[in-house]
Amino acid sequence: MALIRKRRLTDQQTRRIEAQQTRRIDEDDTGELLEGLIITHYGRQLLVQQMGVDNNDSTQNDSESAIPRKTIWRCHARTNLPVLVTGDRVRFQVDENTELGVITALHPRDSLLTRPDRYHKVKPVAANVTLIVVVFAALPVPSPMLIDRYLVACQQADIQALLVLGKADLLTEEDGLRNLLAEYNALGYDTLTVETDGDLSELIAKMADKTVVFVGQSGVGKSSLINALIPDANLKVNIISENSALGQHTTTTTTLLPIPNGGALIDSPGIREFGVWHLTVDAIRNGFIEMYPYYGMCRFRNCLHKNEPGCALIAAAAEGKVLPRRLASLNRLEDEAREADKL
């Protein structure tokens, strides 16, 4: 079976689309233009939260406006827009007869979180994320390699990372996880420990006014943390689904939920675990922040940092300036990137 590849846009076509987006944002259009935030993605349909409306008043009609007073709208997107995702800020119109909306323009994104899908294509999953919380715990046994993958992805997307060691009250001295967390903290990453059913005030403070995504291995307690932070999270997702008349898809959709004390959380099974094979070798190296001083210092220009003589990174690891396990992670991820580049 032949593989049909999606046609790539030229630089000129890309610039033309971006110019059209800017023009649509700046100019008036027929009908009343509304500002909104995509809070749920259901395939071809999206739920948009209208901005600038009292969220507590969603049932009454405003006699001074042709648009019913409603906060969540079921919308389609214009075909010439890029793929839209949860967290996108958009401009849209509403048909007063059908109460269905059409998204006409996409505001510039501050960040875009992507992941490779099962077909080895890069898929956008969330926009305007400002904090990624990487959760790990004693059980299941944490994988430092997986944590390194997340940190590389955060660096590539230019999104702040917070490492959270959960279920800290269940740790033993033999676990060594506090030392692992301390190693990342020494590298310059923000870290935090939380206990089962413990005080989450410090975590809440770090998430304040941010758009947050939780990632980590299955079973580390992400859902428990989310439910503790947003006690009625499942109820809110169900209400959104019922209001949209789209049926119940709460286990597969990507949904944005407000955090009671400020900020928002984007929750989706699809972005809790993701790989980095789609990144280039340079992007992967850029994700190991402590190794910046040693890049370009090796004897050989094409050094792979494995067993080559005169390798600056191998020497730094031997001298304790670089963690050997982090160098091993770098080598593993670079190998994956090179293998993927051959496909």
C-alpha atoms as a PDB file:
ATOM      1  CA  MET A   1       0.000   0.000   0.000  1.00  0.00           C
ATOM      2  CA  ALA A   2       1.413   3.361  -1.009  1.00  0.00           C
ATOM      3  CA  LEU A   3       1.975   5.907   1.717  1.00  0.00           C
ATOM      4  CA  ILE A   4       0.261   9.186   0.868  1.00  0.00           C
ATOM      5  CA  ARG A   5       2.067  12.050   2.503  1.00  0.00           C
ATOM      6  CA  LYS A   6       0.399  15.336   3.312  1.00  0.00           C
ATOM      7  CA  ARG A   7       1.668  18.079   1.015  1.00  0.00           C
ATOM      8  CA  ARG A   8       4.030  20.434   2.789  1.00  0.00           C
ATOM      9  CA  LEU A   9       3.396  24.142   2.540  1.00  0.00           C
ATOM     10  CA  THR A  10       6.051  26.349   1.039  1.00  0.00           C
ATOM     11  CA  ASP A  11       7.423  29.277   3.045  1.00  0.00           C
ATOM     12  CA  GLN A  12       5.436  31.646   0.832  1.00  0.00           C
ATOM     13  CA  GLN A  13       2.191  29.720   1.452  1.00  0.00           C
ATOM     14  CA  THR A  14       2.851  29.673   5.178  1.00  0.00           C
ATOM     15  CA  ARG A  15       3.441  33.426   5.253  1.00  0.00           C
ATOM     16  CA  ARG A  16       0.237  33.973   3.256  1.00  0.00           C
ATOM     17  CA  ILE A  17      -1.812  31.938   5.746  1.00  0.00           C
ATOM     18  CA  GLU A  18      -0.274  33.798   8.685  1.00  0.00           C
ATOM     19  CA  ALA A  19      -1.067  37.117   7.002  1.00  0.00           C
ATOM     20  CA  GLN A  20      -4.685  36.001   6.499  1.00  0.00           C
ATOM     21  CA  GLN A  21      -4.901  35.124  10.176  1.00  0.00           C
ATOM     22  CA  THR A  22      -3.618  38.522  11.220  1.00  0.00           C
ATOM     23  CA  ARG A  23      -6.042  40.256   8.859  1.00  0.00           C
ATOM     24  CA  ARG A  24      -9.018  38.269  10.192  1.00  0.00           C
ATOM     25  CA  ILE A  25      -8.090  39.151  13.758  1.00  0.00           C
ATOM     26  CA  ASP A  26      -7.746  42.854  12.951  1.00  0.00           C
ATOM     27  CA  GLU A  27     -10.707  43.385  10.624  1.00  0.00           C
ATOM     28  CA  ASP A  28     -14.465  43.234  11.200  1.00  0.00           C
ATOM     29  CA  ASP A  29     -16.492  40.361   9.780  1.00  0.00           C
ATOM     30  CA  THR A  30     -20.181  39.839   9.106  1.00  0.00           C
ATOM     31  CA  GLY A  31     -22.053  39.136  12.311  1.00  0.00           C
ATOM     32  CA  GLU A  32     -20.902  39.657  15.877  1.00  0.00           C
ATOM     33  CA  LEU A  33     -17.335  38.500  16.469  1.00  0.00           C
ATOM     34  CA  LEU A  34     -16.647  36.885  19.812  1.00  0.00           C
ATOM     35  CA  GLU A  35     -13.424  36.076  21.630  1.00  0.00           C
ATOM     36  CA  GLY A  36     -13.098  32.555  22.956  1.00  0.00           C
ATOM     37  CA  LEU A  37     -10.921  29.812  24.369  1.00  0.00           C
ATOM     38  CA  ILE A  38     -11.080  26.227  23.099  1.00  0.00           C
ATOM     39  CA  ILE A  39     -11.806  24.083  26.155  1.00  0.00           C
ATOM     40  CA  THR A  40     -12.563  20.715  24.554  1.00  0.00           C
ATOM     41  CA  HIS A  41     -11.706  19.036  21.262  1.00  0.00           C
ATOM     42  CA  TYR A  42     -14.111  16.445  19.843  1.00  0.00           C
ATOM     43  CA  GLY A  43     -12.618  15.525  16.491  1.00  0.00           C
ATOM     44  CA  ARG A  44     -14.054  17.988  13.990  1.00  0.00           C
ATOM     45  CA  GLN A  45     -16.076  19.840  16.602  1.00  0.00           C
ATOM     46  CA  LEU A  46     -14.754  22.037  19.360  1.00  0.00           C
ATOM     47  CA  LEU A  47     -16.229  23.558  22.474  1.00  0.00           C
ATOM     48  CA  VAL A  48     -15.349  27.224  22.864  1.00  0.00           C
ATOM     49  CA  GLN A  49     -15.643  29.152  26.106  1.00  0.00           C
ATOM     50  CA  GLN A  50     -16.749  32.679  25.309  1.00  0.00           C
ATOM     51  CA  MET A  51     -14.509  35.184  27.040  1.00  0.00           C
ATOM     52  CA  GLY A  52     -15.791  38.274  28.809  1.00  0.00           C
ATOM     53  CA  VAL A  53     -19.092  36.690  29.899  1.00  0.00           C
ATOM     54  CA  ASP A  54     -20.277  36.003  33.427  1.00  0.00           C
ATOM     55  CA  ASN A  55     -19.786  32.242  33.641  1.00  0.00           C
ATOM     56  CA  ASN A  56     -22.425  31.952  36.353  1.00  0.00           C
ATOM     57  CA  ASP A  57     -25.174  33.247  34.072  1.00  0.00           C
ATOM     58  CA  SER A  58     -25.586  30.736  31.255  1.00  0.00           C
ATOM     59  CA  THR A  59     -29.364  30.388  31.019  1.00  0.00           C
ATOM     60  CA  GLN A  60     -30.816  33.840  30.503  1.00  0.00           C
ATOM     61  CA  ASN A  61     -30.980  35.756  27.263  1.00  0.00           C
ATOM     62  CA  ASP A  62     -29.536  39.225  27.005  1.00  0.00           C
ATOM     63  CA  SER A  63     -32.285  41.444  25.593  1.00  0.00           C
ATOM     64  CA  GLU A  64     -29.706  43.918  24.327  1.00  0.00           C
ATOM     65  CA  SER A  65     -27.913  41.383  22.143  1.00  0.00           C
ATOM     66  CA  ALA A  66     -28.915  39.005  19.368  1.00  0.00           C
ATOM     67  CA  ILE A  67     -26.550  36.419  20.875  1.00  0.00           C
ATOM     68  CA  PRO A  68     -28.115  34.350  23.692  1.00  0.00           C
ATOM     69  CA  ARG A  69     -26.283  34.680  27.002  1.00  0.00           C
ATOM     70  CA  LYS A  70     -24.376  31.448  26.958  1.00  0.00           C
ATOM     71  CA  THR A  71     -20.762  30.690  27.776  1.00  0.00           C
ATOM     72  CA  ILE A  72     -19.934  27.430  25.963  1.00  0.00           C
ATOM     73  CA  TRP A  73     -20.496  27.064  22.228  1.00  0.00           C
ATOM     74  CA  ARG A  74     -20.219  24.093  19.905  1.00  0.00           C
ATOM     75  CA  CYS A  75     -18.163  25.208  16.924  1.00  0.00           C
ATOM     76  CA  HIS A  76     -16.656  24.149  13.643  1.00  0.00           C
ATOM     77  CA  ALA A  77     -13.477  25.712  12.290  1.00  0.00           C
ATOM     78  CA  ARG A  78     -12.947  27.235   8.869  1.00  0.00           C
ATOM     79  CA  THR A  79     -11.193  24.768   6.613  1.00  0.00           C
ATOM     80  CA  ASN A  80      -8.218  27.029   5.920  1.00  0.00           C
ATOM     81  CA  LEU A  81      -7.285  27.280   9.598  1.00  0.00           C
ATOM     82  CA  PRO A  82      -4.467  25.168  11.016  1.00  0.00           C
ATOM     83  CA  VAL A  83      -5.313  22.251  13.304  1.00  0.00           C
ATOM     84  CA  LEU A  84      -6.882  23.742  16.422  1.00  0.00           C
ATOM     85  CA  VAL A  85      -6.347  22.272  19.878  1.00  0.00           C
ATOM     86  CA  THR A  86      -7.465  22.760  23.452  1.00  0.00           C
ATOM     87  CA  GLY A  87      -6.002  25.953  24.878  1.00  0.00           C
ATOM     88  CA  ASP A  88      -6.119  27.893  21.605  1.00  0.00           C
ATOM     89  CA  ARG A  89      -7.425  31.463  21.775  1.00  0.00           C
ATOM     90  CA  VAL A  90      -9.763  32.117  18.860  1.00  0.00           C
ATOM     91  CA  ARG A  91     -12.254  34.508  17.337  1.00  0.00           C
ATOM     92  CA  PHE A  92     -15.633  33.058  16.354  1.00  0.00           C
ATOM     93  CA  GLN A  93     -19.186  33.832  15.238  1.00  0.00           C
ATOM     94  CA  VAL A  94     -22.486  32.322  16.350  1.00  0.00           C
ATOM     95  CA  ASP A  95     -25.590  31.635  14.278  1.00  0.00           C
ATOM     96  CA  GLU A  96     -28.444  32.942  16.425  1.00  0.00           C
ATOM     97  CA  ASN A  97     -30.870  30.428  14.923  1.00  0.00           C
ATOM     98  CA  THR A  98     -28.872  27.224  15.358  1.00  0.00           C
ATOM     99  CA  GLU A  99     -26.692  28.462  18.252  1.00  0.00           C
ATOM    100  CA  LEU A 100     -23.734  26.849  16.488  1.00  0.00           C
ATOM    101  CA  GLY A 101     -20.465  28.683  16.038  1.00  0.00           C
ATOM    102  CA  VAL A 102     -17.802  29.028  13.378  1.00  0.00           C
ATOM    103  CA  ILE A 103     -14.206  29.740  14.354  1.00  0.00           C
ATOM    104  CA  THR A 104     -12.869  32.339  11.953  1.00  0.00           C
ATOM    105  CA  ALA A 105      -9.394  33.157  13.261  1.00  0.00           C
ATOM    106  CA  LEU A 106      -6.670  31.826  15.530  1.00  0.00           C
ATOM    107  CA  HIS A 107      -4.718  34.161  17.795  1.00  0.00           C
ATOM    108  CA  PRO A 108      -0.923  33.667  17.930  1.00  0.00           C
ATOM    109  CA  ARG A 109       0.132  30.858  20.262  1.00  0.00           C
ATOM    110  CA  ASP A 110       2.574  31.352  23.112  1.00  0.00           C
ATOM    111  CA  SER A 111       3.471  27.663  23.049  1.00  0.00           C
ATOM    112  CA  LEU A 112       2.394  24.427  21.384  1.00  0.00           C
ATOM    113  CA  LEU A 113       2.744  20.987  22.942  1.00  0.00           C
ATOM    114  CA  THR A 114       3.076  18.184  20.385  1.00  0.00           C
ATOM    115  CA  ARG A 115       3.568  14.437  20.461  1.00  0.00           C
ATOM    116  CA  PRO A 116       4.195  11.740  17.856  1.00  0.00           C
ATOM    117  CA  ASP A 117       1.190   9.564  17.075  1.00  0.00           C
ATOM    118  CA  ARG A 118       1.028   5.873  16.218  1.00  0.00           C
ATOM    119  CA  TYR A 119       1.585   6.674  12.546  1.00  0.00           C
ATOM    120  CA  HIS A 120       4.886   8.445  13.245  1.00  0.00           C
ATOM    121  CA  LYS A 121       3.454  11.874  12.568  1.00  0.00           C
ATOM    122  CA  VAL A 122       3.719  14.841  14.886  1.00  0.00           C
ATOM    123  CA  LYS A 123       0.357  15.797  16.364  1.00  0.00           C
ATOM    124  CA  PRO A 124      -0.430  19.073  18.200  1.00  0.00           C
ATOM    125  CA  VAL A 125      -2.287  18.361  21.448  1.00  0.00           C
ATOM    126  CA  ALA A 126      -2.430  21.536  23.550  1.00  0.00           C
ATOM    127  CA  ALA A 127      -1.698  25.237  23.086  1.00  0.00           C
ATOM    128  CA  ASN A 128      -0.578  28.070  25.339  1.00  0.00           C
ATOM    129  CA  VAL A 129       0.612  25.711  28.071  1.00  0.00           C
ATOM    130  CA  THR A 130       2.857  27.560  30.537  1.00  0.00           C
ATOM    131  CA  LEU A 131       3.730  24.777  32.999  1.00  0.00           C
ATOM    132  CA  ILE A 132       4.250  21.018  32.624  1.00  0.00           C
ATOM    133  CA  VAL A 133       4.104  19.093  35.911  1.00  0.00           C
ATOM    134  CA  VAL A 134       6.156  15.882  35.682  1.00  0.00           C
ATOM    135  CA  VAL A 135       4.896  13.487  38.358  1.00  0.00           C
ATOM    136  CA  PHE A 136       6.743  10.398  39.606  1.00  0.00           C
ATOM    137  CA  ALA A 137       6.577   8.248  42.738  1.00  0.00           C
ATOM    138  CA  ALA A 138       8.065   5.165  44.388  1.00  0.00           C
ATOM    139  CA  LEU A 139       5.540   2.942  42.607  1.00  0.00           C
ATOM    140  CA  PRO A 140       5.583   2.261  39.785  1.00  0.00           C
ATOM    141  CA  VAL A 141       9.369   2.332  39.832  1.00  0.00           C
ATOM    142  CA  PRO A 142      10.290   5.650  38.209  1.00  0.00           C
ATOM    143  CA  SER A 143      12.314   5.813  35.030  1.00  0.00           C
ATOM    144  CA  PRO A 144      14.897   8.629  35.022  1.00  0.00           C
ATOM    145  CA  MET A 145      15.081   8.123  31.256  1.00  0.00           C
ATOM    146  CA  LEU A 146      11.381   8.933  30.943  1.00  0.00           C
ATOM    147  CA  ILE A 147      11.804  12.014  33.140  1.00  0.00           C
ATOM    148  CA  ASP A 148      14.643  13.140  30.876  1.00  0.00           C
ATOM    149  CA  ARG A 149      12.363  12.692  27.857  1.00  0.00           C
ATOM    150  CA  TYR A 150       9.767  14.959  29.416  1.00  0.00           C
ATOM    151  CA  LEU A 151      12.376  17.594  30.218  1.00  0.00           C
ATOM    152  CA  VAL A 152      13.686  17.527  26.641  1.00  0.00           C
ATOM    153  CA  ALA A 153      10.120  17.992  25.372  1.00  0.00           C
ATOM    154  CA  CYS A 154       9.589  20.904  27.791  1.00  0.00           C
ATOM    155  CA  GLN A 155      12.772  22.568  26.599  1.00  0.00           C
ATOM    156  CA  GLN A 156      11.844  22.080  22.951  1.00  0.00           C
ATOM    157  CA  ALA A 157       8.394  23.611  23.515  1.00  0.00           C
ATOM    158  CA  ASP A 158       9.865  26.390  25.689  1.00  0.00           C
ATOM    159  CA  ILE A 159       7.517  25.444  28.550  1.00  0.00           C
ATOM    160  CA  GLN A 160       8.499  25.606  32.214  1.00  0.00           C
ATOM    161  CA  ALA A 161       8.832  22.229  33.961  1.00  0.00           C
ATOM    162  CA  LEU A 162       8.020  21.318  37.560  1.00  0.00           C
ATOM    163  CA  LEU A 163       9.146  17.929  38.901  1.00  0.00           C
ATOM    164  CA  VAL A 164       6.789  16.588  41.579  1.00  0.00           C
ATOM    165  CA  LEU A 165       7.692  13.584  43.722  1.00  0.00           C
ATOM    166  CA  GLY A 166       4.330  12.204  44.847  1.00  0.00           C
ATOM    167  CA  LYS A 167       3.368   9.877  47.701  1.00  0.00           C
ATOM    168  CA  ALA A 168       6.430  11.144  49.582  1.00  0.00           C
ATOM    169  CA  ASP A 169       5.099   9.752  52.867  1.00  0.00           C
ATOM    170  CA  LEU A 170       5.476   6.228  51.454  1.00  0.00           C
ATOM    171  CA  LEU A 171       9.165   6.588  50.600  1.00  0.00           C
ATOM    172  CA  THR A 172      11.935   4.635  52.319  1.00  0.00           C
ATOM    173  CA  GLU A 173      15.605   5.535  52.576  1.00  0.00           C
ATOM    174  CA  GLU A 174      16.384   2.722  50.139  1.00  0.00           C
ATOM    175  CA  ASP A 175      14.244   4.292  47.393  1.00  0.00           C
ATOM    176  CA  GLY A 176      16.756   7.016  46.683  1.00  0.00           C
ATOM    177  CA  LEU A 177      14.072   9.142  45.040  1.00  0.00           C
ATOM    178  CA  ARG A 178      14.710  12.174  47.200  1.00  0.00           C
ATOM    179  CA  ASN A 179      18.303  12.078  45.946  1.00  0.00           C
ATOM    180  CA  LEU A 180      17.012  11.796  42.376  1.00  0.00           C
ATOM    181  CA  LEU A 181      14.815  14.855  42.915  1.00  0.00           C
ATOM    182  CA  ALA A 182      17.758  16.710  44.479  1.00  0.00           C
ATOM    183  CA  GLU A 183      19.881  15.941  41.412  1.00  0.00           C
ATOM    184  CA  TYR A 184      17.332  17.605  39.131  1.00  0.00           C
ATOM    185  CA  ASN A 185      17.023  20.536  41.511  1.00  0.00           C
ATOM    186  CA  ALA A 186      20.818  20.973  41.390  1.00  0.00           C
ATOM    187  CA  LEU A 187      20.568  21.127  37.580  1.00  0.00           C
ATOM    188  CA  GLY A 188      18.247  24.114  37.910  1.00  0.00           C
ATOM    189  CA  TYR A 189      14.816  22.463  37.614  1.00  0.00           C
ATOM    190  CA  ASP A 190      11.981  23.444  39.939  1.00  0.00           C
ATOM    191  CA  THR A 191      11.063  20.544  42.247  1.00  0.00           C
ATOM    192  CA  LEU A 192       8.485  19.707  44.893  1.00  0.00           C
ATOM    193  CA  THR A 193       7.431  16.787  47.116  1.00  0.00           C
ATOM    194  CA  VAL A 194       3.820  16.060  48.046  1.00  0.00           C
ATOM    195  CA  GLU A 195       2.357  13.492  50.415  1.00  0.00           C
ATOM    196  CA  THR A 196      -0.672  11.262  49.964  1.00  0.00           C
ATOM    197  CA  ASP A 197      -3.716  13.290  51.085  1.00  0.00           C
ATOM    198  CA  GLY A 198      -1.262  15.972  52.168  1.00  0.00           C
ATOM    199  CA  ASP A 199      -1.175  19.745  51.899  1.00  0.00           C
ATOM    200  CA  LEU A 200      -1.138  20.894  48.267  1.00  0.00           C
ATOM    201  CA  SER A 201      -0.888  24.621  48.963  1.00  0.00           C
ATOM    202  CA  GLU A 202       2.679  24.870  47.639  1.00  0.00           C
ATOM    203  CA  LEU A 203       1.729  23.076  44.420  1.00  0.00           C
ATOM    204  CA  ILE A 204      -1.338  25.303  44.039  1.00  0.00           C
ATOM    205  CA  ALA A 205       0.860  28.377  44.469  1.00  0.00           C
ATOM    206  CA  LYS A 206       3.242  27.192  41.744  1.00  0.00           C
ATOM    207  CA  MET A 207       0.299  26.611  39.389  1.00  0.00           C
ATOM    208  CA  ALA A 208      -1.391  29.951  40.058  1.00  0.00           C
ATOM    209  CA  ASP A 209      -2.462  31.789  36.884  1.00  0.00           C
ATOM    210  CA  LYS A 210      -0.764  29.190  34.671  1.00  0.00           C
ATOM    211  CA  THR A 211      -2.123  26.760  32.092  1.00  0.00           C
ATOM    212  CA  VAL A 212      -0.895  23.392  33.328  1.00  0.00           C
ATOM    213  CA  VAL A 213      -0.474  19.880  31.937  1.00  0.00           C
ATOM    214  CA  PHE A 214       0.300  16.840  34.121  1.00  0.00           C
ATOM    215  CA  VAL A 215       2.506  14.098  32.656  1.00  0.00           C
ATOM    216  CA  GLY A 216       4.058  10.941  34.044  1.00  0.00           C
ATOM    217  CA  GLN A 217       3.853   7.160  34.120  1.00  0.00           C
ATOM    218  CA  SER A 218       0.486   5.526  34.692  1.00  0.00           C
ATOM    219  CA  GLY A 219      -0.157   4.884  38.366  1.00  0.00           C
ATOM    220  CA  VAL A 220       2.016   7.640  39.834  1.00  0.00           C
ATOM    221  CA  GLY A 221      -0.995   9.570  41.107  1.00  0.00           C
ATOM    222  CA  LYS A 222      -1.697  12.173  38.422  1.00  0.00           C
ATOM    223  CA  SER A 223      -5.457  11.632  38.556  1.00  0.00           C
ATOM    224  CA  SER A 224      -5.469  11.758  42.349  1.00  0.00           C
ATOM    225  CA  LEU A 225      -3.646  15.072  42.289  1.00  0.00           C
ATOM    226  CA  ILE A 226      -5.994  16.462  39.645  1.00  0.00           C
ATOM    227  CA  ASN A 227      -9.058  15.383  41.643  1.00  0.00           C
ATOM    228  CA  ALA A 228      -7.599  16.939  44.797  1.00  0.00           C
ATOM    229  CA  LEU A 229      -6.904  20.202  42.986  1.00  0.00           C
ATOM    230  CA  ILE A 230     -10.264  20.230  41.186  1.00  0.00           C
ATOM    231  CA  PRO A 231     -12.657  18.120  43.312  1.00  0.00           C
ATOM    232  CA  ASP A 232     -15.455  18.203  40.731  1.00  0.00           C
ATOM    233  CA  ALA A 233     -13.215  17.721  37.694  1.00  0.00           C
ATOM    234  CA  ASN A 234     -15.114  14.680  36.397  1.00  0.00           C
ATOM    235  CA  LEU A 235     -18.437  16.409  37.013  1.00  0.00           C
ATOM    236  CA  LYS A 236     -17.309  19.462  35.053  1.00  0.00           C
ATOM    237  CA  VAL A 237     -16.208  17.338  32.104  1.00  0.00           C
ATOM    238  CA  ASN A 238     -19.571  15.554  32.090  1.00  0.00           C
ATOM    239  CA  ILE A 239     -21.480  18.836  32.260  1.00  0.00           C
ATOM    240  CA  ILE A 240     -19.504  20.195  29.311  1.00  0.00           C
ATOM    241  CA  SER A 241     -20.333  17.058  27.339  1.00  0.00           C
ATOM    242  CA  GLU A 242     -24.041  17.209  28.212  1.00  0.00           C
ATOM    243  CA  ASN A 243     -24.331  20.901  27.369  1.00  0.00           C
ATOM    244  CA  SER A 244     -22.734  20.328  24.000  1.00  0.00           C
ATOM    245  CA  ALA A 245     -25.030  17.416  23.111  1.00  0.00           C
ATOM    246  CA  LEU A 246     -21.971  15.565  21.850  1.00  0.00           C
ATOM    247  CA  GLY A 247     -22.301  12.491  24.028  1.00  0.00           C
ATOM    248  CA  GLN A 248     -19.962  11.178  26.691  1.00  0.00           C
ATOM    249  CA  HIS A 249     -16.330  11.005  25.586  1.00  0.00           C
ATOM    250  CA  THR A 250     -14.675  11.925  28.851  1.00  0.00           C
ATOM    251  CA  THR A 251     -11.951   9.271  28.611  1.00  0.00           C
ATOM    252  CA  THR A 252     -10.622  10.272  25.212  1.00  0.00           C
ATOM    253  CA  THR A 253     -11.037  14.026  24.915  1.00  0.00           C
ATOM    254  CA  THR A 254      -8.657  16.818  25.818  1.00  0.00           C
ATOM    255  CA  THR A 255     -10.388  19.203  28.203  1.00  0.00           C
ATOM    256  CA  LEU A 256      -9.404  22.489  29.831  1.00  0.00           C
ATOM    257  CA  LEU A 257     -10.640  22.919  33.397  1.00  0.00           C
ATOM    258  CA  PRO A 258     -10.348  26.041  35.560  1.00  0.00           C
ATOM    259  CA  ILE A 259      -8.387  25.733  38.804  1.00  0.00           C
ATOM    260  CA  PRO A 260     -10.409  27.230  41.696  1.00  0.00           C
ATOM    261  CA  ASN A 261      -7.685  29.627  42.867  1.00  0.00           C
ATOM    262  CA  GLY A 262      -6.630  30.755  39.397  1.00  0.00           C
ATOM    263  CA  GLY A 263      -5.148  29.120  36.347  1.00  0.00           C
ATOM    264  CA  ALA A 264      -6.332  26.178  34.276  1.00  0.00           C
ATOM    265  CA  LEU A 265      -5.492  22.529  33.782  1.00  0.00           C
ATOM    266  CA  ILE A 266      -5.542  20.707  30.446  1.00  0.00           C
ATOM    267  CA  ASP A 267      -6.255  17.015  31.011  1.00  0.00           C
ATOM    268  CA  SER A 268      -5.990  14.316  28.385  1.00  0.00           C
ATOM    269  CA  PRO A 269      -4.858  10.668  28.404  1.00  0.00           C
ATOM    270  CA  GLY A 270      -3.114  11.390  25.102  1.00  0.00           C
ATOM    271  CA  ILE A 271      -0.628  13.866  26.539  1.00  0.00           C
ATOM    272  CA  ARG A 272       0.232  12.147  29.783  1.00  0.00           C
ATOM    273  CA  GLU A 273       2.826   9.985  28.060  1.00  0.00           C
ATOM    274  CA  PHE A 274       4.647  11.074  24.944  1.00  0.00           C
ATOM    275  CA  GLY A 275       7.911  10.418  23.144  1.00  0.00           C
ATOM    276  CA  VAL A 276      10.589  12.612  21.618  1.00  0.00           C
ATOM    277  CA  TRP A 277      11.724  10.496  18.674  1.00  0.00           C
ATOM    278  CA  HIS A 278      10.469  13.205  16.301  1.00  0.00           C
ATOM    279  CA  LEU A 279      13.022  15.718  17.582  1.00  0.00           C
ATOM    280  CA  THR A 280      16.361  16.347  15.930  1.00  0.00           C
ATOM    281  CA  VAL A 281      19.685  15.530  17.546  1.00  0.00           C
ATOM    282  CA  ASP A 282      20.302  19.246  18.082  1.00  0.00           C
ATOM    283  CA  ALA A 283      16.916  19.651  19.791  1.00  0.00           C
ATOM    284  CA  ILE A 284      17.663  16.706  22.077  1.00  0.00           C
ATOM    285  CA  ARG A 285      21.060  18.120  23.010  1.00  0.00           C
ATOM    286  CA  ASN A 286      19.388  21.422  23.751  1.00  0.00           C
ATOM    287  CA  GLY A 287      17.244  19.592  26.324  1.00  0.00           C
ATOM    288  CA  PHE A 288      20.237  18.682  28.501  1.00  0.00           C
ATOM    289  CA  ILE A 289      20.893  22.098  29.977  1.00  0.00           C
ATOM    290  CA  GLU A 290      23.903  21.153  32.120  1.00  0.00           C
ATOM    291  CA  MET A 291      25.849  19.978  29.064  1.00  0.00           C
ATOM    292  CA  TYR A 292      25.806  23.307  27.219  1.00  0.00           C
ATOM    293  CA  PRO A 293      29.383  24.247  28.269  1.00  0.00           C
ATOM    294  CA  TYR A 294      30.807  21.052  26.761  1.00  0.00           C
ATOM    295  CA  TYR A 295      29.170  21.028  23.348  1.00  0.00           C
ATOM    296  CA  GLY A 296      31.704  21.835  20.647  1.00  0.00           C
ATOM    297  CA  MET A 297      34.642  21.128  22.964  1.00  0.00           C
ATOM    298  CA  CYS A 298      35.304  17.550  21.822  1.00  0.00           C
ATOM    299  CA  ARG A 299      38.396  16.679  19.807  1.00  0.00           C
ATOM    300  CA  PHE A 300      36.319  15.443  16.887  1.00  0.00           C
ATOM    301  CA  ARG A 301      33.622  17.576  15.336  1.00  0.00           C
ATOM    302  CA  ASN A 302      31.320  14.575  14.749  1.00  0.00           C
ATOM    303  CA  CYS A 303      31.817  13.123  18.243  1.00  0.00           C
ATOM    304  CA  LEU A 304      28.940  10.902  19.393  1.00  0.00           C
ATOM    305  CA  HIS A 305      29.929  11.213  23.085  1.00  0.00           C
ATOM    306  CA  LYS A 306      30.160   7.456  23.552  1.00  0.00           C
ATOM    307  CA  ASN A 307      33.724   6.163  23.457  1.00  0.00           C
ATOM    308  CA  GLU A 308      35.542   8.638  21.216  1.00  0.00           C
ATOM    309  CA  PRO A 309      38.931   9.874  22.446  1.00  0.00           C
ATOM    310  CA  GLY A 310      38.998  13.494  23.530  1.00  0.00           C
ATOM    311  CA  CYS A 311      35.251  13.667  24.223  1.00  0.00           C
ATOM    312  CA  ALA A 312      34.532  16.621  26.498  1.00  0.00           C
ATOM    313  CA  LEU A 313      31.296  15.105  27.819  1.00  0.00           C
ATOM    314  CA  ILE A 314      32.886  11.766  28.712  1.00  0.00           C
ATOM    315  CA  ALA A 315      35.636  13.633  30.528  1.00  0.00           C
ATOM    316  CA  ALA A 316      33.080  15.794  32.356  1.00  0.00           C
ATOM    317  CA  ALA A 317      31.178  12.672  33.462  1.00  0.00           C
ATOM    318  CA  ALA A 318      34.398  11.068  34.708  1.00  0.00           C
ATOM    319  CA  GLU A 319      35.177  14.206  36.722  1.00  0.00           C
ATOM    320  CA  GLY A 320      31.709  14.325  38.268  1.00  0.00           C
ATOM    321  CA  LYS A 321      30.710  17.488  36.420  1.00  0.00           C
ATOM    322  CA  VAL A 322      28.019  15.657  34.463  1.00  0.00           C
ATOM    323  CA  LEU A 323      25.879  12.792  35.763  1.00  0.00           C
ATOM    324  CA  PRO A 324      26.810   9.574  33.905  1.00  0.00           C
ATOM    325  CA  ARG A 325      23.154   8.525  33.753  1.00  0.00           C
ATOM    326  CA  ARG A 326      22.248  11.815  32.094  1.00  0.00           C
ATOM    327  CA  LEU A 327      24.963  11.264  29.497  1.00  0.00           C
ATOM    328  CA  ALA A 328      23.530   7.771  28.931  1.00  0.00           C
ATOM    329  CA  SER A 329      20.087   9.342  28.426  1.00  0.00           C
ATOM    330  CA  LEU A 330      21.522  11.775  25.916  1.00  0.00           C
ATOM    331  CA  ASN A 331      23.142   8.926  23.983  1.00  0.00           C
ATOM    332  CA  ARG A 332      19.929   6.855  24.010  1.00  0.00           C
ATOM    333  CA  LEU A 333      17.727   9.711  22.794  1.00  0.00           C
ATOM    334  CA  GLU A 334      20.210  10.712  20.107  1.00  0.00           C
ATOM    335  CA  ASP A 335      20.277   7.118  18.840  1.00  0.00           C
ATOM    336  CA  GLU A 336      16.483   7.085  18.671  1.00  0.00           C
ATOM    337  CA  ALA A 337      16.472  10.347  16.742  1.00  0.00           C
ATOM    338  CA  ARG A 338      18.981   9.034  14.227  1.00  0.00           C
ATOM    339  CA  GLU A 339      17.007   5.808  13.760  1.00  0.00           C
ATOM    340  CA  ALA A 340      13.782   7.747  13.258  1.00  0.00           C
ATOM    341  CA  ASP A 341      15.501   9.963  10.696  1.00  0.00           C
ATOM    342  CA  LYS A 342      16.184   6.861   8.584  1.00  0.00           C
ATOM    343  CA  LEU A 343      12.460   5.992   8.343  1.00  0.00           C
END
